[in-house]
Amino acid sequence: MVEHRIPQGIVAEATARTMFTLTRHPPAPELAECVDYHWVLHWDRRGKPPHEQRVLPNLAVHATFFPTASGVYGPGREVFSHRL
């Protein structure tokens, strides 16, 4: 595992730390030339109100995988939000 930190761009970092965990993992050697790291978010909001997390854009492309959807996004130009 690379780091246990909330990356730059997360709005309201102190609150974010109480809503989810984020871990980074190094890529396989054959991907290292084009992948900086894999990052994994985990949250369990059962019995808690939803949380709207705002994120500042950065100059990266992100591939996302959720149980109900996936996609490739970025680089972004505007603040975006994700409801946990």
Protein backbone atom coordinates (compact mmCIF):
# COMPACT_ATOMS: atom_id res chain seq x y z
CA MET A 1 0.00 0.00 0.00
CA VAL A 2 1.38 3.42 -0.91
CA GLU A 3 -0.38 5.87 1.42
CA HIS A 4 -3.29 6.39 3.80
CA ARG A 5 -4.14 10.00 3.07
CA ILE A 6 -6.86 12.09 1.53
CA PRO A 7 -5.43 13.51 -1.72
CA GLN A 8 -5.29 17.14 -2.68
CA GLY A 9 -8.53 18.30 -4.21
CA ILE A 10 -10.86 16.87 -1.58
CA VAL A 11 -13.01 19.75 -0.30
CA ALA A 12 -13.49 19.84 3.51
CA GLU A 13 -10.74 17.29 4.17
CA ALA A 14 -11.39 17.04 7.92
CA THR A 15 -15.03 16.11 7.31
CA ALA A 16 -14.08 13.77 4.47
CA ARG A 17 -11.84 11.77 6.83
CA THR A 18 -14.92 10.93 8.93
CA MET A 19 -17.01 9.88 5.91
CA PHE A 20 -14.72 7.49 4.00
CA THR A 21 -11.28 5.93 3.86
CA LEU A 22 -8.93 6.17 0.91
CA THR A 23 -5.97 3.89 0.24
CA ARG A 24 -3.47 3.96 -2.61
CA HIS A 25 -1.80 0.91 -4.14
CA PRO A 26 1.15 0.82 -6.55
CA PRO A 27 0.46 -0.42 -10.08
CA ALA A 28 1.85 -3.64 -11.47
CA PRO A 29 5.34 -3.08 -12.94
CA GLU A 30 4.04 -3.38 -16.50
CA LEU A 31 1.59 -0.50 -15.84
CA ALA A 32 3.97 1.79 -13.93
CA GLU A 33 4.85 3.83 -17.02
CA CYS A 34 1.29 5.07 -17.42
CA VAL A 35 -0.37 4.48 -14.01
CA ASP A 36 0.75 6.40 -10.91
CA TYR A 37 -1.34 4.39 -8.47
CA HIS A 38 -4.66 2.68 -7.92
CA TRP A 39 -6.82 4.25 -5.25
CA VAL A 40 -9.68 2.66 -3.40
CA LEU A 41 -12.43 4.46 -1.51
CA HIS A 42 -14.49 2.68 1.11
CA TRP A 43 -17.52 3.97 2.93
CA ASP A 44 -20.34 2.48 4.92
CA ARG A 45 -23.19 4.95 5.29
CA ARG A 46 -25.78 2.39 6.47
CA GLY A 47 -27.96 4.04 9.08
CA LYS A 48 -26.33 7.42 8.43
CA PRO A 49 -27.48 10.33 6.29
CA PRO A 50 -25.98 10.58 2.78
CA HIS A 51 -22.84 12.67 2.35
CA GLU A 52 -22.18 14.87 -0.70
CA GLN A 53 -18.40 14.97 -1.25
CA ARG A 54 -17.02 17.79 -3.41
CA VAL A 55 -13.73 17.36 -5.26
CA LEU A 56 -11.57 19.87 -7.11
CA PRO A 57 -10.50 18.77 -10.59
CA ASN A 58 -6.94 17.71 -11.38
CA LEU A 59 -4.94 16.89 -14.47
CA ALA A 60 -5.49 13.14 -14.33
CA VAL A 61 -7.67 10.55 -15.98
CA HIS A 62 -9.62 8.29 -13.64
CA ALA A 63 -11.17 4.92 -14.41
CA THR A 64 -13.93 4.22 -11.89
CA PHE A 65 -15.68 0.98 -11.00
CA PHE A 66 -18.84 0.80 -8.90
CA PRO A 67 -21.21 -2.15 -8.50
CA THR A 68 -23.79 -0.43 -10.71
CA ALA A 69 -21.64 1.67 -13.08
CA SER A 70 -18.13 2.31 -14.37
CA GLY A 71 -16.45 4.85 -16.60
CA VAL A 72 -13.35 6.83 -17.55
CA TYR A 73 -13.28 10.52 -16.62
CA GLY A 74 -10.98 13.53 -16.80
CA PRO A 75 -9.09 15.67 -16.81
CA GLY A 76 -11.82 17.84 -15.31
CA ARG A 77 -12.34 21.59 -15.37
CA GLU A 78 -14.99 22.05 -12.68
CA VAL A 79 -15.58 21.04 -9.09
CA PHE A 80 -17.61 17.83 -9.01
CA SER A 81 -19.57 16.04 -6.32
CA HIS A 82 -20.29 12.43 -5.49
CA ARG A 83 -23.04 11.34 -3.12
CA LEU A 84 -21.95 8.66 -0.65
